[in-house]
Amino acid sequence: MTLWSSPQWQVTSDHGARTNVVPAGRKVDHSRACTARTGRDGFDVTVTRSFAEGGQVDHTSSYSVSYAPVSAVVCRPRHHRH
């Protein structure tokens, strides 16, 4: 997609502190096809965009974003006894 516009606004973006943090968790995978990965906590955050013209902020716009947690995966192959 292409968006055409005149260079009227200087837009900057900032975000607040993380809220409602959910720990990433951890899964143990015993399969041979396991791929290890680090986890990421889930959280909510508010993003604020500021629209400036001539160096002065004219207005702001905010929206909230929620990120789901992603569990870490630890690979531990099973040992078979014969």
PDB file of N, CA and C in Angstrom:
ATOM      1  N   MET A   1       0.837  -1.158   0.000  1.00  0.00           N
ATOM      2  CA  MET A   1       0.000   0.000   0.000  1.00  0.00           C
ATOM      3  C   MET A   1       0.892   1.235   0.000  1.00  0.00           C
ATOM      4  N   THR A   2       0.490   2.248  -0.719  1.00  0.00           N
ATOM      5  CA  THR A   2       1.203   3.514  -0.756  1.00  0.00           C
ATOM      6  C   THR A   2       0.279   4.597  -0.237  1.00  0.00           C
ATOM      7  N   LEU A   3       0.799   5.435   0.631  1.00  0.00           N
ATOM      8  CA  LEU A   3       0.018   6.535   1.190  1.00  0.00           C
ATOM      9  C   LEU A   3       0.677   7.833   0.772  1.00  0.00           C
ATOM     10  N   TRP A   4      -0.076   8.687   0.118  1.00  0.00           N
ATOM     11  CA  TRP A   4       0.450   9.953  -0.351  1.00  0.00           C
ATOM     12  C   TRP A   4      -0.030  11.060   0.579  1.00  0.00           C
ATOM     13  N   SER A   5       0.840  12.003   0.867  1.00  0.00           N
ATOM     14  CA  SER A   5       0.475  13.093   1.760  1.00  0.00           C
ATOM     15  C   SER A   5       1.428  14.260   1.551  1.00  0.00           C
ATOM     16  N   SER A   6       0.991  15.414   2.000  1.00  0.00           N
ATOM     17  CA  SER A   6       1.901  16.556   2.024  1.00  0.00           C
ATOM     18  C   SER A   6       2.642  16.516   3.355  1.00  0.00           C
ATOM     19  N   PRO A   7       3.858  17.042   3.414  1.00  0.00           N
ATOM     20  CA  PRO A   7       4.652  16.970   4.648  1.00  0.00           C
ATOM     21  C   PRO A   7       4.198  17.999   5.692  1.00  0.00           C
ATOM     22  N   GLN A   8       2.912  17.964   6.059  1.00  0.00           N
ATOM     23  CA  GLN A   8       2.369  18.942   7.003  1.00  0.00           C
ATOM     24  C   GLN A   8       2.751  18.611   8.440  1.00  0.00           C
ATOM     25  N   TRP A   9       2.718  17.337   8.820  1.00  0.00           N
ATOM     26  CA  TRP A   9       2.920  16.947  10.210  1.00  0.00           C
ATOM     27  C   TRP A   9       4.253  16.247  10.425  1.00  0.00           C
ATOM     28  N   GLN A  10       4.846  16.529  11.556  1.00  0.00           N
ATOM     29  CA  GLN A  10       5.980  15.744  12.032  1.00  0.00           C
ATOM     30  C   GLN A  10       5.393  14.835  13.105  1.00  0.00           C
ATOM     31  N   VAL A  11       5.431  13.515  12.875  1.00  0.00           N
ATOM     32  CA  VAL A  11       4.801  12.569  13.789  1.00  0.00           C
ATOM     33  C   VAL A  11       5.882  11.831  14.578  1.00  0.00           C
ATOM     34  N   THR A  12       5.743  11.856  15.904  1.00  0.00           N
ATOM     35  CA  THR A  12       6.629  11.091  16.771  1.00  0.00           C
ATOM     36  C   THR A  12       5.770  10.128  17.587  1.00  0.00           C
ATOM     37  N   SER A  13       6.393   9.058  18.032  1.00  0.00           N
ATOM     38  CA  SER A  13       5.681   8.021  18.768  1.00  0.00           C
ATOM     39  C   SER A  13       6.426   7.726  20.063  1.00  0.00           C
ATOM     40  N   ASP A  14       5.671   7.491  21.133  1.00  0.00           N
ATOM     41  CA  ASP A  14       6.247   7.165  22.424  1.00  0.00           C
ATOM     42  C   ASP A  14       5.327   6.150  23.088  1.00  0.00           C
ATOM     43  N   HIS A  15       5.867   5.362  24.004  1.00  0.00           N
ATOM     44  CA  HIS A  15       5.029   4.391  24.699  1.00  0.00           C
ATOM     45  C   HIS A  15       5.214   4.516  26.197  1.00  0.00           C
ATOM     46  N   GLY A  16       4.160   4.163  26.920  1.00  0.00           N
ATOM     47  CA  GLY A  16       4.193   4.214  28.373  1.00  0.00           C
ATOM     48  C   GLY A  16       4.805   2.951  28.951  1.00  0.00           C
ATOM     49  N   ALA A  17       4.674   2.810  30.252  1.00  0.00           N
ATOM     50  CA  ALA A  17       5.207   1.648  30.957  1.00  0.00           C
ATOM     51  C   ALA A  17       4.366   0.413  30.645  1.00  0.00           C
ATOM     52  N   ARG A  18       4.997  -0.758  30.729  1.00  0.00           N
ATOM     53  CA  ARG A  18       4.287  -2.017  30.547  1.00  0.00           C
ATOM     54  C   ARG A  18       3.369  -2.247  31.745  1.00  0.00           C
ATOM     55  N   THR A  19       2.150  -2.691  31.470  1.00  0.00           N
ATOM     56  CA  THR A  19       1.207  -3.029  32.531  1.00  0.00           C
ATOM     57  C   THR A  19       0.673  -4.434  32.288  1.00  0.00           C
ATOM     58  N   ASN A  20       0.029  -5.010  33.312  1.00  0.00           N
ATOM     59  CA  ASN A  20      -0.561  -6.352  33.207  1.00  0.00           C
ATOM     60  C   ASN A  20       0.439  -7.369  32.665  1.00  0.00           C
ATOM     61  N   VAL A  21       1.648  -7.353  33.202  1.00  0.00           N
ATOM     62  CA  VAL A  21       2.709  -8.253  32.726  1.00  0.00           C
ATOM     63  C   VAL A  21       2.362  -9.703  33.088  1.00  0.00           C
ATOM     64  N   VAL A  22       2.468 -10.593  32.097  1.00  0.00           N
ATOM     65  CA  VAL A  22       2.237 -12.027  32.276  1.00  0.00           C
ATOM     66  C   VAL A  22       3.562 -12.734  31.994  1.00  0.00           C
ATOM     67  N   PRO A  23       4.117 -13.468  32.969  1.00  0.00           N
ATOM     68  CA  PRO A  23       5.401 -14.147  32.761  1.00  0.00           C
ATOM     69  C   PRO A  23       5.357 -15.106  31.562  1.00  0.00           C
ATOM     70  N   ALA A  24       6.505 -15.247  30.915  1.00  0.00           N
ATOM     71  CA  ALA A  24       6.605 -16.037  29.690  1.00  0.00           C
ATOM     72  C   ALA A  24       6.302 -17.522  29.892  1.00  0.00           C
ATOM     73  N   GLY A  25       6.700 -18.081  30.998  1.00  0.00           N
ATOM     74  CA  GLY A  25       6.525 -19.520  31.179  1.00  0.00           C
ATOM     75  C   GLY A  25       7.629 -20.299  30.485  1.00  0.00           C
ATOM     76  N   ARG A  26       7.575 -21.613  30.630  1.00  0.00           N
ATOM     77  CA  ARG A  26       8.614 -22.468  30.065  1.00  0.00           C
ATOM     78  C   ARG A  26       8.035 -23.830  29.735  1.00  0.00           C
ATOM     79  N   LYS A  27       8.396 -24.370  28.589  1.00  0.00           N
ATOM     80  CA  LYS A  27       7.976 -25.703  28.164  1.00  0.00           C
ATOM     81  C   LYS A  27       9.226 -26.539  27.933  1.00  0.00           C
ATOM     82  N   VAL A  28       9.158 -27.822  28.326  1.00  0.00           N
ATOM     83  CA  VAL A  28      10.245 -28.757  28.051  1.00  0.00           C
ATOM     84  C   VAL A  28       9.782 -29.644  26.901  1.00  0.00           C
ATOM     85  N   ASP A  29      10.590 -29.728  25.856  1.00  0.00           N
ATOM     86  CA  ASP A  29      10.265 -30.522  24.672  1.00  0.00           C
ATOM     87  C   ASP A  29      11.256 -31.677  24.590  1.00  0.00           C
ATOM     88  N   HIS A  30      10.734 -32.904  24.533  1.00  0.00           N
ATOM     89  CA  HIS A  30      11.580 -34.089  24.479  1.00  0.00           C
ATOM     90  C   HIS A  30      11.725 -34.645  23.054  1.00  0.00           C
ATOM     91  N   SER A  31      11.132 -33.988  22.081  1.00  0.00           N
ATOM     92  CA  SER A  31      11.183 -34.517  20.714  1.00  0.00           C
ATOM     93  C   SER A  31      12.549 -34.269  20.071  1.00  0.00           C
ATOM     94  N   ARG A  32      12.856 -35.085  19.067  1.00  0.00           N
ATOM     95  CA  ARG A  32      14.112 -34.901  18.330  1.00  0.00           C
ATOM     96  C   ARG A  32      14.077 -33.653  17.455  1.00  0.00           C
ATOM     97  N   ALA A  33      12.884 -33.202  17.118  1.00  0.00           N
ATOM     98  CA  ALA A  33      12.736 -32.029  16.256  1.00  0.00           C
ATOM     99  C   ALA A  33      12.649 -30.730  17.059  1.00  0.00           C
ATOM    100  N   CYS A  34      12.987 -30.782  18.324  1.00  0.00           N
ATOM    101  CA  CYS A  34      12.872 -29.616  19.197  1.00  0.00           C
ATOM    102  C   CYS A  34      13.762 -28.465  18.727  1.00  0.00           C
ATOM    103  N   THR A  35      13.226 -27.275  18.819  1.00  0.00           N
ATOM    104  CA  THR A  35      13.985 -26.063  18.564  1.00  0.00           C
ATOM    105  C   THR A  35      13.857 -25.180  19.805  1.00  0.00           C
ATOM    106  N   ALA A  36      14.966 -24.942  20.473  1.00  0.00           N
ATOM    107  CA  ALA A  36      14.949 -24.124  21.690  1.00  0.00           C
ATOM    108  C   ALA A  36      14.694 -22.664  21.332  1.00  0.00           C
ATOM    109  N   ARG A  37      14.042 -21.963  22.252  1.00  0.00           N
ATOM    110  CA  ARG A  37      13.833 -20.529  22.055  1.00  0.00           C
ATOM    111  C   ARG A  37      13.700 -19.859  23.420  1.00  0.00           C
ATOM    112  N   THR A  38      14.038 -18.589  23.456  1.00  0.00           N
ATOM    113  CA  THR A  38      13.850 -17.811  24.676  1.00  0.00           C
ATOM    114  C   THR A  38      12.393 -17.363  24.743  1.00  0.00           C
ATOM    115  N   GLY A  39      11.913 -17.131  25.936  1.00  0.00           N
ATOM    116  CA  GLY A  39      10.535 -16.684  26.106  1.00  0.00           C
ATOM    117  C   GLY A  39      10.438 -15.174  26.158  1.00  0.00           C
ATOM    118  N   ARG A  40       9.208 -14.687  26.017  1.00  0.00           N
ATOM    119  CA  ARG A  40       8.941 -13.247  26.122  1.00  0.00           C
ATOM    120  C   ARG A  40       7.695 -13.053  26.973  1.00  0.00           C
ATOM    121  N   ASP A  41       7.791 -12.169  27.943  1.00  0.00           N
ATOM    122  CA  ASP A  41       6.635 -11.845  28.771  1.00  0.00           C
ATOM    123  C   ASP A  41       5.550 -11.189  27.923  1.00  0.00           C
ATOM    124  N   GLY A  42       4.319 -11.392  28.324  1.00  0.00           N
ATOM    125  CA  GLY A  42       3.202 -10.683  27.716  1.00  0.00           C
ATOM    126  C   GLY A  42       2.952  -9.405  28.501  1.00  0.00           C
ATOM    127  N   PHE A  43       2.351  -8.408  27.869  1.00  0.00           N
ATOM    128  CA  PHE A  43       2.069  -7.153  28.565  1.00  0.00           C
ATOM    129  C   PHE A  43       1.155  -6.281  27.724  1.00  0.00           C
ATOM    130  N   ASP A  44       0.607  -5.264  28.365  1.00  0.00           N
ATOM    131  CA  ASP A  44      -0.168  -4.227  27.687  1.00  0.00           C
ATOM    132  C   ASP A  44       0.658  -2.947  27.720  1.00  0.00           C
ATOM    133  N   VAL A  45       0.489  -2.118  26.709  1.00  0.00           N
ATOM    134  CA  VAL A  45       1.203  -0.845  26.657  1.00  0.00           C
ATOM    135  C   VAL A  45       0.349   0.161  25.881  1.00  0.00           C
ATOM    136  N   THR A  46       0.454   1.421  26.248  1.00  0.00           N
ATOM    137  CA  THR A  46      -0.239   2.483  25.522  1.00  0.00           C
ATOM    138  C   THR A  46       0.781   3.237  24.678  1.00  0.00           C
ATOM    139  N   VAL A  47       0.468   3.390  23.401  1.00  0.00           N
ATOM    140  CA  VAL A  47       1.330   4.108  22.460  1.00  0.00           C
ATOM    141  C   VAL A  47       0.676   5.460  22.171  1.00  0.00           C
ATOM    142  N   THR A  48       1.462   6.516  22.237  1.00  0.00           N
ATOM    143  CA  THR A  48       0.949   7.857  21.961  1.00  0.00           C
ATOM    144  C   THR A  48       1.718   8.469  20.802  1.00  0.00           C
ATOM    145  N   ARG A  49       0.967   8.928  19.808  1.00  0.00           N
ATOM    146  CA  ARG A  49       1.571   9.635  18.669  1.00  0.00           C
ATOM    147  C   ARG A  49       1.310  11.121  18.829  1.00  0.00           C
ATOM    148  N   SER A  50       2.350  11.917  18.622  1.00  0.00           N
ATOM    149  CA  SER A  50       2.227  13.379  18.688  1.00  0.00           C
ATOM    150  C   SER A  50       2.378  13.946  17.282  1.00  0.00           C
ATOM    151  N   PHE A  51       1.458  14.841  16.917  1.00  0.00           N
ATOM    152  CA  PHE A  51       1.478  15.464  15.600  1.00  0.00           C
ATOM    153  C   PHE A  51       1.882  16.930  15.783  1.00  0.00           C
ATOM    154  N   ALA A  52       3.048  17.281  15.251  1.00  0.00           N
ATOM    155  CA  ALA A  52       3.563  18.641  15.410  1.00  0.00           C
ATOM    156  C   ALA A  52       3.617  19.343  14.058  1.00  0.00           C
ATOM    157  N   GLU A  53       3.432  20.640  14.123  1.00  0.00           N
ATOM    158  CA  GLU A  53       3.537  21.478  12.925  1.00  0.00           C
ATOM    159  C   GLU A  53       4.370  22.686  13.315  1.00  0.00           C
ATOM    160  N   GLY A  54       5.464  22.897  12.618  1.00  0.00           N
ATOM    161  CA  GLY A  54       6.334  24.027  12.932  1.00  0.00           C
ATOM    162  C   GLY A  54       6.965  23.921  14.311  1.00  0.00           C
ATOM    163  N   GLY A  55       7.191  22.684  14.786  1.00  0.00           N
ATOM    164  CA  GLY A  55       7.834  22.475  16.069  1.00  0.00           C
ATOM    165  C   GLY A  55       6.890  22.490  17.262  1.00  0.00           C
ATOM    166  N   GLN A  56       5.606  22.809  17.057  1.00  0.00           N
ATOM    167  CA  GLN A  56       4.624  22.843  18.144  1.00  0.00           C
ATOM    168  C   GLN A  56       3.653  21.671  17.999  1.00  0.00           C
ATOM    169  N   VAL A  57       3.428  20.930  19.100  1.00  0.00           N
ATOM    170  CA  VAL A  57       2.489  19.807  19.061  1.00  0.00           C
ATOM    171  C   VAL A  57       1.074  20.350  18.903  1.00  0.00           C
ATOM    172  N   ASP A  58       0.387  19.888  17.864  1.00  0.00           N
ATOM    173  CA  ASP A  58      -0.977  20.308  17.570  1.00  0.00           C
ATOM    174  C   ASP A  58      -1.988  19.393  18.266  1.00  0.00           C
ATOM    175  N   HIS A  59      -1.738  18.067  18.181  1.00  0.00           N
ATOM    176  CA  HIS A  59      -2.637  17.116  18.827  1.00  0.00           C
ATOM    177  C   HIS A  59      -1.922  15.778  19.004  1.00  0.00           C
ATOM    178  N   THR A  60      -2.506  14.931  19.869  1.00  0.00           N
ATOM    179  CA  THR A  60      -1.962  13.599  20.111  1.00  0.00           C
ATOM    180  C   THR A  60      -3.060  12.565  19.894  1.00  0.00           C
ATOM    181  N   SER A  61      -2.632  11.348  19.679  1.00  0.00           N
ATOM    182  CA  SER A  61      -3.541  10.223  19.482  1.00  0.00           C
ATOM    183  C   SER A  61      -2.936   9.024  20.200  1.00  0.00           C
ATOM    184  N   SER A  62      -3.745   8.312  20.993  1.00  0.00           N
ATOM    185  CA  SER A  62      -3.239   7.162  21.745  1.00  0.00           C
ATOM    186  C   SER A  62      -4.026   5.908  21.419  1.00  0.00           C
ATOM    187  N   TYR A  63      -3.347   4.767  21.513  1.00  0.00           N
ATOM    188  CA  TYR A  63      -4.007   3.475  21.362  1.00  0.00           C
ATOM    189  C   TYR A  63      -3.293   2.457  22.236  1.00  0.00           C
ATOM    190  N   SER A  64      -4.012   1.416  22.629  1.00  0.00           N
ATOM    191  CA  SER A  64      -3.450   0.368  23.486  1.00  0.00           C
ATOM    192  C   SER A  64      -3.122  -0.864  22.667  1.00  0.00           C
ATOM    193  N   VAL A  65      -2.048  -1.527  23.058  1.00  0.00           N
ATOM    194  CA  VAL A  65      -1.606  -2.747  22.389  1.00  0.00           C
ATOM    195  C   VAL A  65      -1.384  -3.815  23.454  1.00  0.00           C
ATOM    196  N   SER A  66      -1.826  -5.047  23.172  1.00  0.00           N
ATOM    197  CA  SER A  66      -1.608  -6.179  24.078  1.00  0.00           C
ATOM    198  C   SER A  66      -0.721  -7.199  23.380  1.00  0.00           C
ATOM    199  N   TYR A  67       0.331  -7.608  24.058  1.00  0.00           N
ATOM    200  CA  TYR A  67       1.234  -8.631  23.545  1.00  0.00           C
ATOM    201  C   TYR A  67       1.059  -9.883  24.386  1.00  0.00           C
ATOM    202  N   ALA A  68       0.802 -11.011  23.744  1.00  0.00           N
ATOM    203  CA  ALA A  68       0.637 -12.287  24.442  1.00  0.00           C
ATOM    204  C   ALA A  68       2.008 -12.826  24.842  1.00  0.00           C
ATOM    205  N   PRO A  69       2.079 -13.544  25.974  1.00  0.00           N
ATOM    206  CA  PRO A  69       3.361 -14.137  26.361  1.00  0.00           C
ATOM    207  C   PRO A  69       3.737 -15.266  25.401  1.00  0.00           C
ATOM    208  N   VAL A  70       5.035 -15.477  25.238  1.00  0.00           N
ATOM    209  CA  VAL A  70       5.560 -16.580  24.421  1.00  0.00           C
ATOM    210  C   VAL A  70       6.451 -17.414  25.336  1.00  0.00           C
ATOM    211  N   SER A  71       6.086 -18.680  25.502  1.00  0.00           N
ATOM    212  CA  SER A  71       6.845 -19.551  26.402  1.00  0.00           C
ATOM    213  C   SER A  71       8.226 -19.874  25.848  1.00  0.00           C
ATOM    214  N   ALA A  72       9.193 -19.959  26.763  1.00  0.00           N
ATOM    215  CA  ALA A  72      10.522 -20.443  26.394  1.00  0.00           C
ATOM    216  C   ALA A  72      10.411 -21.943  26.134  1.00  0.00           C
ATOM    217  N   VAL A  73      11.226 -22.458  25.220  1.00  0.00           N
ATOM    218  CA  VAL A  73      11.266 -23.895  24.948  1.00  0.00           C
ATOM    219  C   VAL A  73      12.661 -24.393  25.290  1.00  0.00           C
ATOM    220  N   VAL A  74      12.707 -25.415  26.142  1.00  0.00           N
ATOM    221  CA  VAL A  74      13.961 -26.049  26.540  1.00  0.00           C
ATOM    222  C   VAL A  74      13.965 -27.455  25.952  1.00  0.00           C
ATOM    223  N   CYS A  75      15.005 -27.810  25.215  1.00  0.00           N
ATOM    224  CA  CYS A  75      15.102 -29.133  24.598  1.00  0.00           C
ATOM    225  C   CYS A  75      15.813 -30.096  25.551  1.00  0.00           C
ATOM    226  N   ARG A  76      15.162 -31.203  25.858  1.00  0.00           N
ATOM    227  CA  ARG A  76      15.737 -32.240  26.717  1.00  0.00           C
ATOM    228  C   ARG A  76      15.392 -33.588  26.103  1.00  0.00           C
ATOM    229  N   PRO A  77      16.286 -34.149  25.308  1.00  0.00           N
ATOM    230  CA  PRO A  77      15.992 -35.447  24.695  1.00  0.00           C
ATOM    231  C   PRO A  77      15.840 -36.535  25.760  1.00  0.00           C
ATOM    232  N   ARG A  78      14.950 -37.449  25.483  1.00  0.00           N
ATOM    233  CA  ARG A  78      14.746 -38.581  26.401  1.00  0.00           C
ATOM    234  C   ARG A  78      15.883 -39.576  26.220  1.00  0.00           C
ATOM    235  N   HIS A  79      16.319 -40.145  27.311  1.00  0.00           N
ATOM    236  CA  HIS A  79      17.362 -41.172  27.263  1.00  0.00           C
ATOM    237  C   HIS A  79      16.682 -42.531  27.356  1.00  0.00           C
ATOM    238  N   HIS A  80      16.964 -43.377  26.377  1.00  0.00           N
ATOM    239  CA  HIS A  80      16.369 -44.711  26.353  1.00  0.00           C
ATOM    240  C   HIS A  80      17.316 -45.716  26.969  1.00  0.00           C
ATOM    241  N   ARG A  81      16.808 -46.547  27.824  1.00  0.00           N
ATOM    242  CA  ARG A  81      17.622 -47.595  28.425  1.00  0.00           C
ATOM    243  C   ARG A  81      17.340 -48.905  27.715  1.00  0.00           C
ATOM    244  N   HIS A  82      18.368 -49.662  27.470  1.00  0.00           N
ATOM    245  CA  HIS A  82      18.204 -50.948  26.775  1.00  0.00           C
ATOM    246  C   HIS A  82      18.487 -52.074  27.726  1.00  0.00           C
TER     247      HIS A  82
END
